[in-house]
């Protein structure tokens, strides 16, 4: 399930026919890597993640998911990839406030018609040390706990890739460290490829490779 490569070739994204956000981006992400994409606000990080996550499409260029050209896949095939192969952690976690922690994590498994959903949810909650929060609503737990719930939910259908957009931007230092460890667990214990877009310099020491987005172009950063 997890041998999943992302290859981006000469990717361009233009909005309103004139505002160029991405300009000829080339990037290859190997299976089970953790990579960090840094860049100032408005540099195109969220746009790039949206294209990798099959939420948006490039204006020009190609993205290959496990060798398949995303532009040639049907909407049904793309929806299946989004449900089963790609997990997304949003900046504001996007949990459903009326559902408990348990039911938030269970939701993707229900949509995917999984047969062992309850067992899977219990394992995820235990892995990320939030099992005791199972019956609480998102409003009853801390920001760091909500983000760990969001990571568990993103991993519910055992995706090949986990995308995280500024996952620690609203958290204090202690919660940032806890969330960082959660990503490391996702990579180590579930074999998930992790792509993080973040300003957080502390993540530098916890990834395999680092990139910097500037003026719509991407550069590998060895520092």
Protein backbone atom coordinates (compact mmCIF):
# COMPACT_ATOMS: atom_id res chain seq x y z
CA UNK A 1 0.00 0.00 0.00
CA UNK A 2 2.73 2.47 0.95
CA UNK A 3 5.10 2.18 -2.03
CA UNK A 4 3.81 5.42 -3.48
CA UNK A 5 5.94 7.95 -5.38
CA UNK A 6 5.02 11.54 -6.21
CA UNK A 7 6.78 13.09 -9.19
CA UNK A 8 6.15 16.70 -10.21
CA UNK A 9 7.48 17.95 -13.55
CA UNK A 10 7.62 21.61 -14.63
CA UNK A 11 4.52 22.51 -12.61
CA UNK A 12 2.92 25.93 -13.09
CA UNK A 13 -0.14 27.39 -11.38
CA UNK A 14 -1.69 30.67 -12.45
CA UNK A 15 -4.78 32.26 -10.93
CA UNK A 16 -7.08 34.70 -12.74
CA UNK A 17 -4.97 34.25 -15.85
CA UNK A 18 -2.18 36.43 -14.51
CA UNK A 19 -1.11 35.76 -10.90
CA UNK A 20 1.60 33.10 -11.11
CA UNK A 21 1.93 31.18 -7.85
CA UNK A 22 4.05 28.22 -9.00
CA UNK A 23 6.64 28.58 -11.76
CA UNK A 24 8.18 25.41 -13.12
CA UNK A 25 8.32 23.35 -9.91
CA UNK A 26 10.12 20.00 -10.10
CA UNK A 27 9.96 17.64 -7.13
CA UNK A 28 10.18 13.90 -6.49
CA UNK A 29 9.05 12.41 -3.19
CA UNK A 30 10.05 8.81 -2.56
CA UNK A 31 8.01 6.30 -0.53
CA UNK A 32 8.25 6.63 3.27
CA UNK A 33 10.13 9.94 3.15
CA UNK A 34 9.35 12.90 5.37
CA UNK A 35 9.97 16.22 3.65
CA UNK A 36 9.53 19.81 4.76
CA UNK A 37 8.55 22.63 2.41
CA UNK A 38 9.23 26.07 3.84
CA UNK A 39 8.48 29.50 2.46
CA UNK A 40 6.92 32.80 3.35
CA UNK A 41 3.17 33.27 3.49
CA UNK A 42 1.86 33.43 -0.08
CA UNK A 43 4.85 31.56 -1.51
CA UNK A 44 2.63 28.77 -2.89
CA UNK A 45 3.01 26.07 -0.22
CA UNK A 46 -0.72 25.52 0.21
CA UNK A 47 -1.26 25.55 -3.56
CA UNK A 48 1.44 22.90 -4.04
CA UNK A 49 -0.06 20.67 -1.34
CA UNK A 50 -3.53 21.09 -2.88
CA UNK A 51 -2.20 19.90 -6.24
CA UNK A 52 -0.38 16.92 -4.68
CA UNK A 53 -3.59 16.11 -2.79
CA UNK A 54 -5.65 16.13 -6.01
CA UNK A 55 -7.79 19.00 -4.68
CA UNK A 56 -6.51 21.44 -7.30
CA UNK A 57 -5.02 20.98 -10.78
CA UNK A 58 -1.95 22.68 -12.29
CA UNK A 59 -2.25 25.25 -15.06
CA UNK A 60 0.66 23.60 -16.83
CA UNK A 61 3.02 20.70 -16.15
CA UNK A 62 2.45 17.23 -14.76
CA UNK A 63 2.03 15.40 -11.49
CA UNK A 64 2.51 11.64 -11.45
CA UNK A 65 1.07 9.62 -8.58
CA UNK A 66 2.69 6.20 -8.47
CA UNK A 67 3.45 6.58 -12.18
CA UNK A 68 -0.07 7.63 -13.15
CA UNK A 69 -0.54 11.07 -14.71
CA UNK A 70 -3.14 12.78 -12.50
CA UNK A 71 -4.41 14.80 -15.48
CA UNK A 72 -5.49 11.57 -17.20
CA UNK A 73 -7.42 10.18 -14.23
CA UNK A 74 -11.20 10.48 -14.05
CA UNK A 75 -12.93 12.40 -11.26
CA UNK A 76 -13.99 9.05 -9.79
CA UNK A 77 -10.40 7.79 -9.79
CA UNK A 78 -9.15 11.03 -8.22
CA UNK A 79 -11.84 10.81 -5.52
CA UNK A 80 -10.72 7.26 -4.74
CA UNK A 81 -7.10 8.40 -4.42
CA UNK A 82 -8.14 11.24 -2.09
CA UNK A 83 -10.09 8.82 0.11
CA UNK A 84 -7.67 5.90 0.28
CA UNK A 85 -4.18 7.08 -0.64
CA UNK A 86 -3.88 10.67 0.64
CA UNK A 87 -4.51 12.02 4.14
CA UNK A 88 -4.64 15.77 4.78
CA UNK A 89 -4.07 17.69 8.01
CA UNK A 90 -5.31 21.25 7.74
CA UNK A 91 -3.99 24.30 9.55
CA UNK A 92 -7.24 24.69 11.49
CA UNK A 93 -7.69 20.89 11.89
CA UNK A 94 -11.27 21.01 10.43
CA UNK A 95 -12.72 18.60 12.97
CA UNK A 96 -16.51 18.25 13.11
CA UNK A 97 -17.53 19.92 16.36
CA UNK A 98 -20.75 17.91 16.85
CA UNK A 99 -18.88 14.59 16.74
CA UNK A 100 -16.75 13.04 19.46
CA UNK A 101 -13.03 12.49 18.96
CA UNK A 102 -13.75 8.81 18.26
CA UNK A 103 -16.40 9.57 15.64
CA UNK A 104 -14.23 12.21 13.95
CA UNK A 105 -11.50 9.63 13.40
CA UNK A 106 -14.04 6.97 12.41
CA UNK A 107 -15.70 9.16 9.75
CA UNK A 108 -13.26 8.46 6.83
CA UNK A 109 -13.53 4.73 7.59
CA UNK A 110 -17.33 4.92 7.39
CA UNK A 111 -17.10 6.76 4.07
CA UNK A 112 -14.63 4.15 2.83
CA UNK A 113 -16.90 1.34 4.08
CA UNK A 114 -14.15 -0.20 6.21
CA UNK A 115 -15.06 -3.39 8.07
CA UNK A 116 -12.61 -2.97 10.97
CA UNK A 117 -13.17 0.71 11.66
CA UNK A 118 -13.55 0.52 15.45
CA UNK A 119 -10.36 -1.51 15.86
CA UNK A 120 -8.46 0.87 13.57
CA UNK A 121 -9.68 3.97 15.44
CA UNK A 122 -8.71 2.51 18.82
CA UNK A 123 -5.22 1.76 17.54
CA UNK A 124 -4.79 5.28 16.15
CA UNK A 125 -6.04 6.94 19.34
CA UNK A 126 -3.68 4.79 21.37
CA UNK A 127 -0.73 5.51 19.07
CA UNK A 128 -1.18 9.26 19.44
CA UNK A 129 -1.95 9.14 23.20
CA UNK A 130 -5.50 10.44 22.88
CA UNK A 131 -7.48 7.30 23.73
CA UNK A 132 -8.75 8.88 26.96
CA UNK A 133 -10.26 11.70 24.85
CA UNK A 134 -12.38 9.34 22.72
CA UNK A 135 -15.75 10.53 24.07
CA UNK A 136 -14.92 14.25 24.22
CA UNK A 137 -15.94 16.85 21.65
CA UNK A 138 -13.25 18.96 19.91
CA UNK A 139 -14.29 22.02 21.94
CA UNK A 140 -13.42 20.14 25.15
CA UNK A 141 -9.77 19.44 24.32
CA UNK A 142 -6.65 21.55 23.74
CA UNK A 143 -5.31 22.80 20.40
CA UNK A 144 -2.46 20.30 20.44
CA UNK A 145 -4.86 17.47 21.20
CA UNK A 146 -7.16 18.58 18.37
CA UNK A 147 -4.24 18.51 15.96
CA UNK A 148 -3.31 14.98 17.06
CA UNK A 149 -6.94 13.95 16.47
CA UNK A 150 -6.70 15.52 13.00
CA UNK A 151 -3.53 13.50 12.28
CA UNK A 152 -5.23 10.30 13.48
CA UNK A 153 -8.25 11.03 11.26
CA UNK A 154 -5.99 11.71 8.26
CA UNK A 155 -4.38 8.28 8.82
CA UNK A 156 -7.70 6.44 9.29
CA UNK A 157 -7.81 4.85 5.82
CA UNK A 158 -4.10 3.93 5.98
CA UNK A 159 -3.05 6.43 3.29
CA UNK A 160 0.27 6.30 1.50
CA UNK A 161 0.85 10.05 1.87
CA UNK A 162 0.10 12.47 4.68
CA UNK A 163 -0.02 16.16 3.72
CA UNK A 164 0.14 18.78 6.46
CA UNK A 165 -0.42 22.49 5.86
CA UNK A 166 1.06 24.65 8.66
CA UNK A 167 0.01 22.05 11.25
CA UNK A 168 1.68 23.78 14.21
CA UNK A 169 1.14 27.45 13.38
CA UNK A 170 -1.40 28.11 16.15
CA UNK A 171 0.27 25.95 18.81
CA UNK A 172 2.64 26.76 21.64
CA UNK A 173 6.15 25.27 21.77
CA UNK A 174 5.23 22.22 23.86
CA UNK A 175 2.31 21.30 21.60
CA UNK A 176 4.47 21.87 18.51
CA UNK A 177 6.87 19.24 19.81
CA UNK A 178 4.03 16.81 20.51
CA UNK A 179 2.61 17.27 17.00
CA UNK A 180 6.08 16.87 15.48
CA UNK A 181 6.46 13.57 17.32
CA UNK A 182 3.04 12.53 15.98
CA UNK A 183 4.29 13.00 12.41
CA UNK A 184 7.40 10.97 13.21
CA UNK A 185 5.16 8.19 14.55
CA UNK A 186 3.05 8.30 11.38
CA UNK A 187 6.17 7.85 9.30
CA UNK A 188 7.87 5.26 11.50
CA UNK A 189 4.93 3.13 12.68
CA UNK A 190 2.63 3.31 9.65
CA UNK A 191 5.23 3.74 6.87
CA UNK A 192 3.46 6.88 5.66
CA UNK A 193 5.17 9.42 3.41
CA UNK A 194 4.83 12.81 5.13
CA UNK A 195 4.93 16.17 3.33
CA UNK A 196 4.78 19.17 5.65
CA UNK A 197 4.44 22.80 4.59
CA UNK A 198 5.44 24.95 7.54
CA UNK A 199 7.25 28.05 8.81
CA UNK A 200 8.39 26.09 11.87
CA UNK A 201 12.20 25.91 11.92
CA UNK A 202 12.12 23.25 14.65
CA UNK A 203 10.89 20.75 12.06
CA UNK A 204 14.23 21.00 10.22
CA UNK A 205 15.80 18.32 12.40
CA UNK A 206 12.94 15.85 12.02
CA UNK A 207 12.71 15.37 8.25
CA UNK A 208 14.69 13.54 5.57
CA UNK A 209 14.82 16.46 3.14
CA UNK A 210 14.05 20.17 3.22
CA UNK A 211 12.87 22.49 0.45
CA UNK A 212 12.28 26.22 0.19
CA UNK A 213 9.64 27.86 -2.00
CA UNK A 214 10.48 31.35 -3.20
CA UNK A 215 8.99 33.37 -6.07
CA UNK A 216 7.08 30.30 -7.21
CA UNK A 217 10.18 28.11 -7.51
CA UNK A 218 11.41 25.32 -5.26
CA UNK A 219 14.96 24.78 -4.04
CA UNK A 220 16.41 21.94 -1.99
CA UNK A 221 17.86 23.25 1.25
CA UNK A 222 20.68 21.36 2.94
CA UNK A 223 20.78 23.60 6.02
